[in-house]
Amino acid sequence: MNSDKIGKFIYELRMKQGYSQYQLADKIPISRQAVSKWERGETIPDSSTLIRLSDIFNITINELLKGERIKKPSIEELQKTTLQIVDDHNRQRKEIKQLLCISTSIILSLVFIFLFYYFLNSYNQIKVYRIASSNEMFPVTDGIMIITNQKSYLKIGTIHNPNNLTIHKLKLICKNQMMYEGEDMNIILQNEASYDEYKLKDLIENSILEVYYGENQIERILLSFQRDFTNNALLFHNKKKITSNHSLKNRKQDSDIKDFIKKITKEGNHQKNVYQYKEYYYYEDQQLLIKKKNNKVEWTYDAYNNQYMCPTNDCEKRIKEEIQEEGN
């Protein structure tokens, strides 16, 4: 803002109207000395005085502050200015739209990369195996192994003792490597790092459970691992109700076997949760049915898991036929 130019412009306007400094001062009103200072460029009128001068000289305040008349633009200039404003607005919108598209693409790409990485590290990375054995002296049931890419769990399961032998110690061995040694039959082994495929194959094919019983006697049991679950389904199924581990009410079993178990619990000799009916033994707490012949276990049936364990492939069919005959 040029005070000299403003003062000179006020002087020209006063002279054009034919006012003296006194006459202009009286119209505002203000002192003559103030008018003189404006015209010499020493001071600039305040806001209220600018409004009064605008009315007296019939000009705009912008013209007073600029120190000259502002030429009114032509229609062509106004149209050009309007079009330029519209173009600038459209360009800004286009730039904002492009920026939003780029930002959205980057975000979606990052989300896709994260989901893909999560999928690769989660899909088929949880495996559940059931562990059992149809060993004649010490059948094993209810064992389970859970493998994840962060931690693994292994529970040997329940070691049944149909001959009521004294068990002193257990050892779990895989390829001459000791995995567990102790007396607790229900110990859960944990591993912070997941098994790789090579170790997992060894564990499934070469896990030996050594049972130390009696007077320095050892029974070596080859454990059987059967895959029960892996998270390789892309679509999830409806959730199933959780059933008790000690109840037959919610388990779907073969009607003949179910009736036969009822017959054993009704007519068999009962002692310490074990029912004996002819050559059949039913362990009520473990829901395990065992068939023995000449003091040797021929086959076992896990009533809870509905699993048949015996040397031959036609185990399930043979057990059903045998039980049906006994029931009749």
Protein backbone atom coordinates (compact mmCIF):
# COMPACT_ATOMS: atom_id res chain seq x y z
CA MET A 1 0.00 0.00 0.00
CA ASN A 2 1.62 3.25 -1.26
CA SER A 3 0.77 6.21 1.03
CA ASP A 4 2.28 8.79 -1.40
CA LYS A 5 0.15 7.49 -4.26
CA ILE A 6 -2.97 7.50 -2.08
CA GLY A 7 -2.25 11.11 -0.92
CA LYS A 8 -1.70 12.29 -4.49
CA PHE A 9 -4.95 10.56 -5.57
CA ILE A 10 -6.92 12.32 -2.75
CA TYR A 11 -5.41 15.64 -3.82
CA GLU A 12 -6.48 15.07 -7.44
CA LEU A 13 -10.03 14.13 -6.37
CA ARG A 14 -10.30 17.24 -4.11
CA MET A 15 -9.09 19.56 -6.82
CA LYS A 16 -11.45 17.98 -9.38
CA GLN A 17 -14.39 18.64 -7.03
CA GLY A 18 -13.13 22.18 -6.33
CA TYR A 19 -12.81 21.67 -2.58
CA SER A 20 -10.24 23.35 -0.40
CA GLN A 21 -8.59 21.39 2.39
CA TYR A 22 -10.88 23.21 4.88
CA GLN A 23 -14.02 22.37 2.90
CA LEU A 24 -13.08 18.70 2.59
CA ALA A 25 -12.21 18.56 6.30
CA ASP A 26 -15.63 20.05 7.20
CA LYS A 27 -17.49 17.44 5.09
CA ILE A 28 -15.87 14.48 6.87
CA PRO A 29 -15.53 16.20 9.52
CA ILE A 30 -11.86 16.22 10.42
CA SER A 31 -9.10 18.78 10.90
CA ARG A 32 -7.42 20.47 7.91
CA GLN A 33 -4.03 19.30 9.18
CA ALA A 34 -5.17 15.66 8.80
CA VAL A 35 -6.09 16.29 5.15
CA SER A 36 -2.75 17.91 4.58
CA LYS A 37 -0.91 14.90 6.04
CA TRP A 38 -2.84 12.52 3.73
CA GLU A 39 -1.92 14.53 0.64
CA ARG A 40 1.76 14.65 1.66
CA GLY A 41 1.76 10.86 2.15
CA GLU A 42 2.54 11.05 5.85
CA THR A 43 -0.59 9.17 6.99
CA ILE A 44 -3.46 7.12 5.53
CA PRO A 45 -7.14 7.67 6.39
CA ASP A 46 -8.64 5.20 8.86
CA SER A 47 -11.51 2.86 7.94
CA SER A 48 -14.38 5.18 8.90
CA THR A 49 -12.76 8.09 7.03
CA LEU A 50 -12.22 5.91 3.94
CA ILE A 51 -15.94 5.15 3.88
CA ARG A 52 -16.76 8.90 4.13
CA LEU A 53 -14.27 9.78 1.34
CA SER A 54 -15.77 7.02 -0.83
CA ASP A 55 -19.19 8.68 -0.55
CA ILE A 56 -17.84 12.22 -1.12
CA PHE A 57 -15.85 11.37 -4.27
CA ASN A 58 -18.21 8.56 -5.46
CA ILE A 59 -15.46 5.97 -5.79
CA THR A 60 -14.77 2.60 -4.19
CA ILE A 61 -12.58 2.07 -1.16
CA ASN A 62 -10.42 -0.27 -3.26
CA GLU A 63 -9.76 2.60 -5.67
CA LEU A 64 -8.79 4.87 -2.76
CA LEU A 65 -6.38 2.33 -1.37
CA LYS A 66 -4.95 1.61 -4.82
CA GLY A 67 -4.50 5.33 -5.49
CA GLU A 68 -6.15 5.28 -8.92
CA ARG A 69 -9.33 4.55 -10.79
CA ILE A 70 -9.93 0.87 -11.47
CA LYS A 71 -10.95 0.25 -15.03
CA LYS A 72 -14.15 -1.83 -15.35
CA PRO A 73 -13.47 -5.09 -17.22
CA SER A 74 -15.14 -5.82 -20.53
CA ILE A 75 -17.58 -8.69 -21.11
CA GLU A 76 -14.87 -10.64 -22.93
CA GLU A 77 -12.47 -10.23 -20.02
CA LEU A 78 -15.16 -11.33 -17.55
CA GLN A 79 -15.91 -14.43 -19.64
CA LYS A 80 -12.23 -15.22 -19.91
CA THR A 81 -11.79 -14.86 -16.16
CA THR A 82 -14.88 -17.03 -15.51
CA LEU A 83 -13.66 -19.77 -17.86
CA GLN A 84 -10.25 -19.68 -16.25
CA ILE A 85 -11.85 -20.12 -12.81
CA VAL A 86 -13.90 -23.08 -14.13
CA ASP A 87 -10.80 -24.65 -15.71
CA ASP A 88 -8.82 -24.24 -12.48
CA HIS A 89 -11.66 -25.81 -10.50
CA ASN A 90 -11.92 -28.78 -12.88
CA ARG A 91 -8.16 -29.26 -12.85
CA GLN A 92 -8.12 -29.29 -9.05
CA ARG A 93 -10.96 -31.81 -8.94
CA LYS A 94 -9.16 -34.01 -11.47
CA GLU A 95 -5.94 -33.85 -9.45
CA ILE A 96 -7.84 -34.71 -6.23
CA LYS A 97 -9.60 -37.60 -8.00
CA GLN A 98 -6.29 -38.95 -9.31
CA LEU A 99 -4.75 -38.63 -5.85
CA LEU A 100 -7.69 -40.52 -4.32
CA CYS A 101 -7.43 -43.26 -6.95
CA ILE A 102 -3.69 -43.66 -6.34
CA SER A 103 -4.19 -43.70 -2.55
CA THR A 104 -7.02 -46.25 -2.83
CA SER A 105 -4.93 -48.45 -5.13
CA ILE A 106 -2.00 -48.36 -2.71
CA ILE A 107 -4.23 -49.19 0.28
CA LEU A 108 -5.96 -52.05 -1.58
CA SER A 109 -2.60 -53.41 -2.72
CA LEU A 110 -1.27 -53.37 0.84
CA VAL A 111 -4.43 -55.08 2.11
CA PHE A 112 -4.20 -57.74 -0.62
CA ILE A 113 -0.50 -58.34 0.12
CA PHE A 114 -1.26 -58.68 3.84
CA LEU A 115 -4.18 -61.08 3.24
CA PHE A 116 -2.15 -63.12 0.78
CA TYR A 117 0.75 -63.31 3.22
CA TYR A 118 -1.64 -64.27 6.04
CA PHE A 119 -3.26 -66.90 3.81
CA LEU A 120 0.10 -68.44 2.91
CA ASN A 121 1.10 -68.59 6.57
CA SER A 122 -2.27 -69.87 7.83
CA TYR A 123 -3.78 -72.12 5.15
CA ASN A 124 -3.22 -75.81 5.89
CA GLN A 125 -0.95 -74.91 8.80
CA ILE A 126 -3.05 -76.53 11.54
CA LYS A 127 -3.10 -80.32 11.61
CA VAL A 128 -4.76 -82.58 14.15
CA TYR A 129 -3.86 -86.27 14.48
CA ARG A 130 -5.55 -88.92 16.57
CA ILE A 131 -3.16 -91.30 18.31
CA ALA A 132 -4.06 -94.89 19.12
CA SER A 133 -2.69 -98.40 19.23
CA SER A 134 -4.31 -101.86 19.27
CA ASN A 135 -1.50 -103.39 21.27
CA GLU A 136 -2.65 -106.59 22.97
CA MET A 137 -1.30 -105.81 26.43
CA PHE A 138 -1.69 -102.03 26.60
CA PRO A 139 -4.20 -100.58 24.10
CA VAL A 140 -3.86 -96.82 23.62
CA THR A 141 -6.79 -94.50 22.90
CA ASP A 142 -7.72 -90.80 23.05
CA GLY A 143 -4.24 -89.62 22.06
CA ILE A 144 -4.04 -86.40 20.09
CA MET A 145 -1.39 -84.28 18.39
CA ILE A 146 -1.97 -80.69 17.24
CA ILE A 147 0.52 -79.10 14.87
CA THR A 148 0.60 -75.34 14.14
CA ASN A 149 3.26 -73.12 12.62
CA GLN A 150 3.96 -71.60 16.05
CA LYS A 151 3.43 -74.32 18.62
CA SER A 152 2.69 -78.03 18.76
CA TYR A 153 1.02 -80.21 21.35
CA LEU A 154 1.15 -83.97 21.79
CA LYS A 155 -0.87 -86.02 24.29
CA ILE A 156 -0.03 -89.71 24.36
CA GLY A 157 -3.57 -90.60 25.40
CA THR A 158 -5.00 -93.20 27.69
CA ILE A 159 -3.01 -96.41 28.18
CA HIS A 160 -5.40 -99.18 29.14
CA ASN A 161 -4.30 -101.99 31.38
CA PRO A 162 -6.79 -104.86 30.93
CA ASN A 163 -4.52 -107.30 32.81
CA ASN A 164 -4.12 -104.91 35.79
CA LEU A 165 -0.33 -105.01 35.55
CA THR A 166 1.85 -102.65 37.56
CA ILE A 167 3.22 -99.93 35.26
CA HIS A 168 6.40 -98.28 36.56
CA LYS A 169 7.45 -95.91 33.78
CA LEU A 170 6.70 -94.71 30.27
CA LYS A 171 9.06 -93.61 27.53
CA LEU A 172 8.15 -91.97 24.24
CA ILE A 173 10.90 -92.41 21.66
CA CYS A 174 11.18 -91.24 18.05
CA LYS A 175 14.15 -92.47 16.02
CA ASN A 176 16.27 -93.08 19.13
CA GLN A 177 15.46 -89.60 20.44
CA MET A 178 13.85 -89.42 23.88
CA MET A 179 10.73 -87.24 23.80
CA TYR A 180 9.28 -88.10 27.20
CA GLU A 181 10.11 -90.21 30.23
CA GLY A 182 7.97 -90.43 33.34
CA GLU A 183 5.00 -91.98 35.10
CA ASP A 184 2.24 -89.56 34.07
CA MET A 185 0.15 -91.19 31.33
CA ASN A 186 -1.73 -87.99 30.41
CA ILE A 187 1.22 -85.64 30.02
CA ILE A 188 0.96 -83.04 27.25
CA LEU A 189 4.20 -82.40 25.37
CA GLN A 190 4.72 -78.92 23.94
CA ASN A 191 7.07 -77.69 21.29
CA GLU A 192 7.55 -73.94 20.70
CA ALA A 193 8.51 -74.41 17.05
CA SER A 194 6.32 -76.35 14.67
CA TYR A 195 7.51 -79.65 13.21
CA ASP A 196 8.77 -79.46 9.67
CA GLU A 197 7.55 -82.06 7.20
CA TYR A 198 10.60 -84.26 7.67
CA LYS A 199 10.35 -84.38 11.47
CA LEU A 200 6.57 -84.77 11.28
CA LYS A 201 6.93 -87.79 8.99
CA ASP A 202 9.41 -89.36 11.44
CA LEU A 203 7.10 -88.67 14.35
CA ILE A 204 4.10 -90.26 12.62
CA GLU A 205 5.94 -93.34 11.35
CA ASN A 206 8.47 -94.01 14.12
CA SER A 207 6.93 -93.10 17.48
CA ILE A 208 7.46 -95.91 19.97
CA LEU A 209 5.90 -95.97 23.42
CA GLU A 210 7.84 -98.12 25.86
CA VAL A 211 5.85 -99.36 28.86
CA TYR A 212 7.92 -100.61 31.80
CA TYR A 213 5.87 -102.98 33.95
CA GLY A 214 6.15 -105.92 36.31
CA GLU A 215 9.68 -106.99 37.12
CA ASN A 216 11.89 -105.21 34.57
CA GLN A 217 9.59 -106.08 31.68
CA ILE A 218 9.18 -103.79 28.67
CA GLU A 219 6.40 -103.60 26.10
CA ARG A 220 7.17 -101.57 22.97
CA ILE A 221 4.11 -100.10 21.29
CA LEU A 222 4.14 -98.56 17.82
CA LEU A 223 1.73 -95.64 17.95
CA SER A 224 -0.62 -95.07 15.03
CA PHE A 225 -1.22 -91.46 13.89
CA GLN A 226 -4.36 -90.78 11.86
CA ARG A 227 -4.98 -87.30 10.47
CA ASP A 228 -8.30 -86.05 11.76
CA PHE A 229 -8.34 -82.39 10.69
CA THR A 230 -6.46 -79.77 8.75
CA ASN A 231 -7.52 -76.19 8.02
CA ASN A 232 -7.56 -76.51 4.23
CA ALA A 233 -11.24 -75.68 3.73
CA LEU A 234 -12.02 -72.42 1.96
CA LEU A 235 -15.64 -72.51 3.12
CA PHE A 236 -16.61 -73.08 6.73
CA HIS A 237 -19.30 -75.55 7.74
CA ASN A 238 -21.90 -75.15 10.43
CA LYS A 239 -20.63 -75.53 13.94
CA LYS A 240 -21.36 -78.79 15.70
CA LYS A 241 -22.32 -79.14 19.32
CA ILE A 242 -19.55 -80.14 21.68
CA THR A 243 -20.20 -83.49 23.34
CA SER A 244 -18.88 -84.72 26.64
CA ASN A 245 -15.90 -87.04 26.69
CA HIS A 246 -17.69 -89.26 29.21
CA SER A 247 -21.16 -89.52 27.77
CA LEU A 248 -22.74 -91.72 25.12
CA LYS A 249 -25.98 -89.74 24.93
CA ASN A 250 -24.95 -87.44 22.09
CA ARG A 251 -22.84 -89.92 20.15
CA LYS A 252 -24.22 -91.72 17.11
CA GLN A 253 -23.15 -95.35 17.40
CA ASP A 254 -24.10 -98.60 15.87
CA SER A 255 -27.31 -99.75 17.58
CA ASP A 256 -26.07 -103.35 18.07
CA ILE A 257 -22.87 -102.22 19.79
CA LYS A 258 -24.76 -99.72 21.89
CA ASP A 259 -27.21 -102.41 23.03
CA PHE A 260 -24.36 -104.82 23.67
CA ILE A 261 -22.62 -102.28 25.94
CA LYS A 262 -25.89 -101.87 27.85
CA LYS A 263 -26.07 -105.65 28.21
CA ILE A 264 -22.51 -105.78 29.56
CA THR A 265 -23.16 -103.03 32.13
CA LYS A 266 -26.35 -104.82 33.20
CA GLU A 267 -25.25 -108.46 33.31
CA GLY A 268 -21.46 -108.30 33.54
CA ASN A 269 -19.32 -108.50 36.66
CA HIS A 270 -18.53 -104.99 37.87
CA GLN A 271 -15.22 -104.10 39.55
CA LYS A 272 -13.41 -100.75 39.65
CA ASN A 273 -15.22 -99.22 36.68
CA VAL A 274 -14.62 -102.37 34.63
CA TYR A 275 -17.43 -104.69 33.49
CA GLN A 276 -16.58 -108.25 32.45
CA TYR A 277 -18.99 -110.25 30.30
CA LYS A 278 -17.57 -113.55 29.04
CA GLU A 279 -14.41 -112.57 27.15
CA TYR A 280 -15.47 -108.91 26.80
CA TYR A 281 -14.30 -106.07 29.02
CA TYR A 282 -15.91 -102.64 29.10
CA TYR A 283 -14.07 -99.74 30.80
CA GLU A 284 -16.85 -97.36 31.78
CA ASP A 285 -14.64 -94.33 32.53
CA GLN A 286 -12.87 -94.59 29.17
CA GLN A 287 -15.79 -96.00 27.17
CA LEU A 288 -13.50 -98.70 25.83
CA LEU A 289 -14.67 -102.18 24.80
CA ILE A 290 -12.00 -104.92 24.65
CA LYS A 291 -12.28 -108.47 23.31
CA LYS A 292 -9.76 -110.92 24.71
CA LYS A 293 -9.07 -114.53 23.78
CA ASN A 294 -6.56 -116.70 25.62
CA ASN A 295 -5.59 -113.62 27.65
CA LYS A 296 -4.66 -111.76 24.46
CA VAL A 297 -6.43 -108.69 23.12
CA GLU A 298 -8.08 -109.49 19.80
CA TRP A 299 -9.58 -106.08 19.16
CA THR A 300 -10.62 -102.87 20.90
CA TYR A 301 -13.49 -100.49 20.26
CA ASP A 302 -13.43 -96.83 21.39
CA ALA A 303 -17.10 -96.04 22.08
CA TYR A 304 -16.54 -92.29 22.34
CA ASN A 305 -14.60 -91.84 19.10
CA ASN A 306 -16.39 -94.74 17.38
CA GLN A 307 -13.04 -96.25 16.39
CA TYR A 308 -12.30 -99.93 15.75
CA MET A 309 -8.78 -101.20 16.30
CA CYS A 310 -7.68 -104.67 15.33
CA PRO A 311 -5.03 -106.26 13.07
CA THR A 312 -7.23 -106.88 10.00
CA ASN A 313 -8.72 -104.38 7.57
CA ASP A 314 -12.26 -105.70 7.97
CA CYS A 315 -12.16 -104.85 11.69
CA GLU A 316 -15.34 -102.79 11.81
CA LYS A 317 -17.46 -105.36 9.96
CA ARG A 318 -16.10 -108.28 11.98
CA ILE A 319 -16.68 -106.55 15.35
CA LYS A 320 -20.25 -105.65 14.45
CA GLU A 321 -21.03 -109.22 13.34
CA GLU A 322 -19.42 -110.71 16.43
CA ILE A 323 -21.27 -108.39 18.82
CA GLN A 324 -24.56 -108.94 17.03
CA GLU A 325 -24.17 -112.71 17.49
CA GLU A 326 -23.31 -112.30 21.20
CA GLY A 327 -26.25 -109.95 21.68
CA ASN A 328 -28.65 -112.49 20.21
